[in-house]
Amino acid sequence: MGILDKELNDDEEMFITLTLDDDTELETRILTIFEVELEDGTSQDYIVVIPVDENEQDNEDGEVLIYRYFEDEDGNPTLDNIQDDEEFEIVSDAFDELLDNEAFDQMD
């Protein structure tokens, strides 16, 4: 595995700083990294982050950001924007299902 191990410990929080298109920086906490099978039969990893304040507390509106996630041969992570609305819908649905399954597992 690379720097951002897909099996993040529940008690281990990881933070990353994103540089946005306008060159501003946004501090975020990693919620999860997950794999999605796309309509063309390929699979792609995605990362979900939530913006945090200066005290590393999650933003109040609960808005999350989802990006494509890659690692190079040395395990260095790279994030990329989701390419189109269709891909975003597929990934959003997969993330919603992941959340539903996690909520169901916590009820056990």
N, C-alpha and C. Protein backbone atom coordinates (compact mmCIF):
# COMPACT_ATOMS: atom_id res chain seq x y z
N MET A 1 0.84 -1.19 0.00
CA MET A 1 0.00 0.00 0.00
C MET A 1 0.88 1.25 0.00
N GLY A 2 0.27 2.34 -0.32
CA GLY A 2 0.99 3.60 -0.40
C GLY A 2 0.85 4.42 0.86
N ILE A 3 1.12 5.68 0.72
CA ILE A 3 1.09 6.61 1.84
C ILE A 3 -0.28 6.65 2.50
N LEU A 4 -1.32 6.70 1.70
CA LEU A 4 -2.68 6.72 2.23
C LEU A 4 -3.25 5.32 2.15
N ASP A 5 -2.92 4.50 3.14
CA ASP A 5 -3.36 3.11 3.18
C ASP A 5 -4.87 3.04 3.13
N LYS A 6 -5.41 2.20 2.26
CA LYS A 6 -6.85 2.08 2.10
C LYS A 6 -7.52 1.57 3.36
N GLU A 7 -6.79 0.90 4.20
CA GLU A 7 -7.37 0.36 5.44
C GLU A 7 -7.05 1.33 6.58
N LEU A 8 -7.62 2.51 6.53
CA LEU A 8 -7.40 3.50 7.58
C LEU A 8 -7.99 2.99 8.88
N ASN A 9 -7.22 3.10 9.95
CA ASN A 9 -7.72 2.70 11.26
C ASN A 9 -8.85 3.63 11.67
N ASP A 10 -9.85 3.07 12.39
CA ASP A 10 -10.97 3.89 12.83
C ASP A 10 -10.53 5.02 13.75
N ASP A 11 -9.48 4.78 14.57
CA ASP A 11 -9.06 5.81 15.52
C ASP A 11 -7.95 6.69 14.95
N GLU A 12 -7.51 6.42 13.74
CA GLU A 12 -6.46 7.22 13.13
C GLU A 12 -7.08 8.18 12.11
N GLU A 13 -6.92 9.47 12.36
CA GLU A 13 -7.42 10.47 11.43
C GLU A 13 -6.26 10.97 10.59
N MET A 14 -6.50 11.09 9.29
CA MET A 14 -5.48 11.61 8.40
C MET A 14 -6.00 12.89 7.75
N PHE A 15 -5.13 13.87 7.67
CA PHE A 15 -5.48 15.17 7.11
C PHE A 15 -4.61 15.45 5.89
N ILE A 16 -5.20 16.12 4.91
CA ILE A 16 -4.43 16.56 3.74
C ILE A 16 -4.82 18.00 3.41
N THR A 17 -3.89 18.71 2.82
CA THR A 17 -4.14 20.07 2.35
C THR A 17 -4.32 20.02 0.85
N LEU A 18 -5.47 20.51 0.38
CA LEU A 18 -5.75 20.58 -1.05
C LEU A 18 -5.43 21.98 -1.55
N THR A 19 -4.83 22.08 -2.72
CA THR A 19 -4.66 23.36 -3.39
C THR A 19 -5.73 23.44 -4.46
N LEU A 20 -6.64 24.39 -4.32
CA LEU A 20 -7.78 24.51 -5.22
C LEU A 20 -7.38 25.23 -6.51
N ASP A 21 -8.30 25.26 -7.47
CA ASP A 21 -8.03 25.87 -8.77
C ASP A 21 -7.60 27.33 -8.67
N ASP A 22 -8.10 28.04 -7.65
CA ASP A 22 -7.74 29.46 -7.48
C ASP A 22 -6.50 29.64 -6.59
N ASP A 23 -5.76 28.54 -6.36
CA ASP A 23 -4.52 28.51 -5.57
C ASP A 23 -4.73 28.72 -4.08
N THR A 24 -5.97 28.72 -3.60
CA THR A 24 -6.19 28.74 -2.16
C THR A 24 -6.01 27.33 -1.62
N GLU A 25 -5.66 27.25 -0.34
CA GLU A 25 -5.47 25.95 0.28
C GLU A 25 -6.64 25.63 1.19
N LEU A 26 -7.01 24.36 1.21
CA LEU A 26 -8.14 23.90 2.00
C LEU A 26 -7.69 22.69 2.82
N GLU A 27 -7.78 22.82 4.14
CA GLU A 27 -7.45 21.70 5.03
C GLU A 27 -8.62 20.74 5.06
N THR A 28 -8.35 19.44 4.91
CA THR A 28 -9.41 18.44 4.89
C THR A 28 -9.00 17.21 5.70
N ARG A 29 -10.01 16.46 6.13
CA ARG A 29 -9.80 15.17 6.80
C ARG A 29 -10.27 14.08 5.85
N ILE A 30 -9.48 13.03 5.73
CA ILE A 30 -9.85 11.91 4.86
C ILE A 30 -10.93 11.08 5.56
N LEU A 31 -12.05 10.89 4.87
CA LEU A 31 -13.11 10.04 5.39
C LEU A 31 -12.93 8.60 4.94
N THR A 32 -12.63 8.41 3.66
CA THR A 32 -12.45 7.05 3.14
C THR A 32 -11.83 7.09 1.76
N ILE A 33 -11.28 5.96 1.37
CA ILE A 33 -10.85 5.71 0.00
C ILE A 33 -11.55 4.43 -0.41
N PHE A 34 -12.21 4.46 -1.56
CA PHE A 34 -12.97 3.28 -1.98
C PHE A 34 -12.87 3.09 -3.48
N GLU A 35 -13.15 1.88 -3.91
CA GLU A 35 -13.06 1.52 -5.33
C GLU A 35 -14.45 1.43 -5.93
N VAL A 36 -14.58 1.91 -7.16
CA VAL A 36 -15.86 1.86 -7.87
C VAL A 36 -15.62 1.22 -9.23
N GLU A 37 -16.50 0.28 -9.59
CA GLU A 37 -16.46 -0.28 -10.94
C GLU A 37 -17.28 0.63 -11.84
N LEU A 38 -16.66 1.11 -12.90
CA LEU A 38 -17.31 2.04 -13.81
C LEU A 38 -18.05 1.28 -14.91
N GLU A 39 -18.87 2.00 -15.66
CA GLU A 39 -19.69 1.38 -16.69
C GLU A 39 -18.88 0.71 -17.80
N ASP A 40 -17.66 1.16 -18.03
CA ASP A 40 -16.83 0.55 -19.08
C ASP A 40 -16.11 -0.71 -18.59
N GLY A 41 -16.40 -1.14 -17.36
CA GLY A 41 -15.81 -2.35 -16.82
C GLY A 41 -14.51 -2.14 -16.07
N THR A 42 -13.96 -0.94 -16.13
CA THR A 42 -12.75 -0.65 -15.38
C THR A 42 -13.12 -0.23 -13.97
N SER A 43 -12.14 -0.26 -13.09
CA SER A 43 -12.39 0.23 -11.73
C SER A 43 -11.46 1.40 -11.45
N GLN A 44 -11.89 2.24 -10.53
CA GLN A 44 -11.15 3.45 -10.19
C GLN A 44 -11.30 3.68 -8.69
N ASP A 45 -10.20 4.10 -8.05
CA ASP A 45 -10.26 4.48 -6.64
C ASP A 45 -10.67 5.94 -6.52
N TYR A 46 -11.42 6.22 -5.46
CA TYR A 46 -11.86 7.58 -5.15
C TYR A 46 -11.58 7.86 -3.68
N ILE A 47 -11.35 9.12 -3.38
CA ILE A 47 -11.12 9.55 -2.01
C ILE A 47 -12.19 10.56 -1.63
N VAL A 48 -12.68 10.45 -0.41
CA VAL A 48 -13.69 11.38 0.11
C VAL A 48 -13.06 12.13 1.27
N VAL A 49 -13.09 13.45 1.19
CA VAL A 49 -12.54 14.30 2.25
C VAL A 49 -13.61 15.30 2.70
N ILE A 50 -13.44 15.77 3.92
CA ILE A 50 -14.34 16.80 4.45
C ILE A 50 -13.49 17.97 4.91
N PRO A 51 -13.84 19.19 4.50
CA PRO A 51 -13.09 20.37 4.97
C PRO A 51 -13.16 20.50 6.49
N VAL A 52 -12.06 20.96 7.08
CA VAL A 52 -12.00 21.17 8.52
C VAL A 52 -11.59 22.60 8.81
N ASP A 53 -11.90 23.04 10.04
CA ASP A 53 -11.50 24.38 10.45
C ASP A 53 -10.09 24.35 11.05
N GLU A 54 -9.65 25.48 11.58
CA GLU A 54 -8.29 25.57 12.12
C GLU A 54 -8.07 24.65 13.32
N ASN A 55 -9.14 24.17 13.95
CA ASN A 55 -9.04 23.23 15.07
C ASN A 55 -9.23 21.78 14.63
N GLU A 56 -9.19 21.56 13.33
CA GLU A 56 -9.37 20.25 12.71
C GLU A 56 -10.74 19.64 13.01
N GLN A 57 -11.74 20.52 13.17
CA GLN A 57 -13.13 20.09 13.35
C GLN A 57 -13.82 20.13 11.99
N ASP A 58 -14.66 19.11 11.73
CA ASP A 58 -15.37 19.04 10.45
C ASP A 58 -16.23 20.28 10.23
N ASN A 59 -16.39 20.66 8.95
CA ASN A 59 -17.24 21.81 8.65
C ASN A 59 -18.67 21.52 9.10
N GLU A 60 -19.39 22.56 9.41
CA GLU A 60 -20.72 22.40 10.00
C GLU A 60 -21.77 21.91 9.03
N ASP A 61 -21.62 22.19 7.73
CA ASP A 61 -22.66 21.78 6.78
C ASP A 61 -22.52 20.33 6.33
N GLY A 62 -21.42 19.68 6.68
CA GLY A 62 -21.25 18.27 6.36
C GLY A 62 -20.93 18.00 4.90
N GLU A 63 -20.66 19.04 4.13
CA GLU A 63 -20.34 18.87 2.71
C GLU A 63 -19.01 18.14 2.56
N VAL A 64 -18.99 17.13 1.68
CA VAL A 64 -17.77 16.39 1.42
C VAL A 64 -17.33 16.62 -0.02
N LEU A 65 -16.06 16.35 -0.27
CA LEU A 65 -15.49 16.47 -1.61
C LEU A 65 -15.00 15.09 -2.03
N ILE A 66 -15.27 14.73 -3.28
CA ILE A 66 -14.86 13.43 -3.80
C ILE A 66 -13.95 13.65 -5.00
N TYR A 67 -12.81 12.96 -4.99
CA TYR A 67 -11.83 13.06 -6.07
C TYR A 67 -11.41 11.67 -6.53
N ARG A 68 -10.93 11.59 -7.76
CA ARG A 68 -10.24 10.39 -8.21
C ARG A 68 -8.96 10.27 -7.40
N TYR A 69 -8.57 9.05 -7.09
CA TYR A 69 -7.37 8.81 -6.28
C TYR A 69 -6.45 7.84 -7.01
N PHE A 70 -5.19 8.22 -7.15
CA PHE A 70 -4.17 7.38 -7.79
C PHE A 70 -2.94 7.33 -6.90
N GLU A 71 -2.15 6.27 -7.04
CA GLU A 71 -0.83 6.22 -6.44
C GLU A 71 0.17 5.85 -7.52
N ASP A 72 1.33 6.51 -7.52
CA ASP A 72 2.36 6.14 -8.48
C ASP A 72 3.09 4.89 -7.99
N GLU A 73 4.09 4.45 -8.74
CA GLU A 73 4.80 3.22 -8.39
C GLU A 73 5.52 3.30 -7.05
N ASP A 74 5.77 4.52 -6.56
CA ASP A 74 6.41 4.71 -5.26
C ASP A 74 5.39 4.89 -4.13
N GLY A 75 4.10 4.82 -4.47
CA GLY A 75 3.06 4.96 -3.45
C GLY A 75 2.69 6.40 -3.14
N ASN A 76 3.15 7.35 -3.97
CA ASN A 76 2.81 8.75 -3.76
C ASN A 76 1.41 9.02 -4.30
N PRO A 77 0.55 9.64 -3.49
CA PRO A 77 -0.84 9.86 -3.92
C PRO A 77 -0.99 11.05 -4.86
N THR A 78 -1.98 10.93 -5.74
CA THR A 78 -2.38 12.01 -6.63
C THR A 78 -3.89 12.05 -6.66
N LEU A 79 -4.45 13.24 -6.58
CA LEU A 79 -5.89 13.43 -6.69
C LEU A 79 -6.19 14.12 -8.01
N ASP A 80 -7.36 13.76 -8.58
CA ASP A 80 -7.77 14.36 -9.84
C ASP A 80 -9.27 14.60 -9.77
N ASN A 81 -9.73 15.62 -10.46
CA ASN A 81 -11.16 15.90 -10.50
C ASN A 81 -11.91 14.80 -11.22
N ILE A 82 -13.14 14.56 -10.81
CA ILE A 82 -14.03 13.65 -11.52
C ILE A 82 -14.36 14.32 -12.85
N GLN A 83 -14.35 13.52 -13.93
CA GLN A 83 -14.37 14.07 -15.28
C GLN A 83 -15.71 14.60 -15.77
N ASP A 84 -16.83 13.96 -15.38
CA ASP A 84 -18.11 14.40 -15.92
C ASP A 84 -19.24 14.06 -14.95
N ASP A 85 -20.44 14.55 -15.27
CA ASP A 85 -21.60 14.35 -14.40
C ASP A 85 -21.97 12.87 -14.26
N GLU A 86 -21.82 12.11 -15.33
CA GLU A 86 -22.17 10.69 -15.29
C GLU A 86 -21.27 9.94 -14.30
N GLU A 87 -19.97 10.20 -14.38
CA GLU A 87 -19.03 9.58 -13.44
C GLU A 87 -19.35 10.02 -12.01
N PHE A 88 -19.65 11.31 -11.84
CA PHE A 88 -19.97 11.81 -10.50
C PHE A 88 -21.19 11.10 -9.92
N GLU A 89 -22.22 10.89 -10.74
CA GLU A 89 -23.43 10.20 -10.27
C GLU A 89 -23.12 8.77 -9.84
N ILE A 90 -22.32 8.06 -10.62
CA ILE A 90 -21.95 6.68 -10.29
C ILE A 90 -21.19 6.64 -8.97
N VAL A 91 -20.22 7.54 -8.82
CA VAL A 91 -19.39 7.57 -7.61
C VAL A 91 -20.21 8.02 -6.40
N SER A 92 -21.07 9.01 -6.57
CA SER A 92 -21.92 9.48 -5.47
C SER A 92 -22.84 8.37 -4.99
N ASP A 93 -23.43 7.63 -5.93
CA ASP A 93 -24.30 6.51 -5.56
C ASP A 93 -23.51 5.44 -4.80
N ALA A 94 -22.30 5.15 -5.25
CA ALA A 94 -21.46 4.16 -4.57
C ALA A 94 -21.11 4.63 -3.16
N PHE A 95 -20.81 5.92 -3.00
CA PHE A 95 -20.49 6.46 -1.68
C PHE A 95 -21.71 6.41 -0.77
N ASP A 96 -22.88 6.76 -1.30
CA ASP A 96 -24.12 6.68 -0.51
C ASP A 96 -24.37 5.25 -0.04
N GLU A 97 -24.14 4.28 -0.93
CA GLU A 97 -24.32 2.87 -0.56
C GLU A 97 -23.32 2.47 0.52
N LEU A 98 -22.10 2.95 0.40
CA LEU A 98 -21.08 2.68 1.41
C LEU A 98 -21.51 3.24 2.76
N LEU A 99 -22.05 4.45 2.77
CA LEU A 99 -22.54 5.06 4.02
C LEU A 99 -23.71 4.26 4.59
N ASP A 100 -24.63 3.84 3.73
CA ASP A 100 -25.78 3.04 4.18
C ASP A 100 -25.31 1.74 4.81
N ASN A 101 -24.36 1.06 4.17
CA ASN A 101 -23.84 -0.20 4.71
C ASN A 101 -23.14 0.00 6.04
N GLU A 102 -22.39 1.10 6.16
CA GLU A 102 -21.69 1.39 7.40
C GLU A 102 -22.68 1.68 8.52
N ALA A 103 -23.73 2.44 8.22
CA ALA A 103 -24.76 2.73 9.22
C ALA A 103 -25.46 1.45 9.64
N PHE A 104 -25.73 0.56 8.70
CA PHE A 104 -26.37 -0.71 9.00
C PHE A 104 -25.46 -1.56 9.89
N ASP A 105 -24.16 -1.60 9.56
CA ASP A 105 -23.21 -2.38 10.36
C ASP A 105 -23.11 -1.85 11.79
N GLN A 106 -23.24 -0.54 11.98
CA GLN A 106 -23.15 0.03 13.32
C GLN A 106 -24.38 -0.27 14.14
N MET A 107 -25.49 -0.63 13.49
CA MET A 107 -26.71 -0.97 14.22
C MET A 107 -26.63 -2.37 14.82
N ASP A 108 -25.74 -3.22 14.30
CA ASP A 108 -25.60 -4.59 14.81
C ASP A 108 -25.01 -4.62 16.20
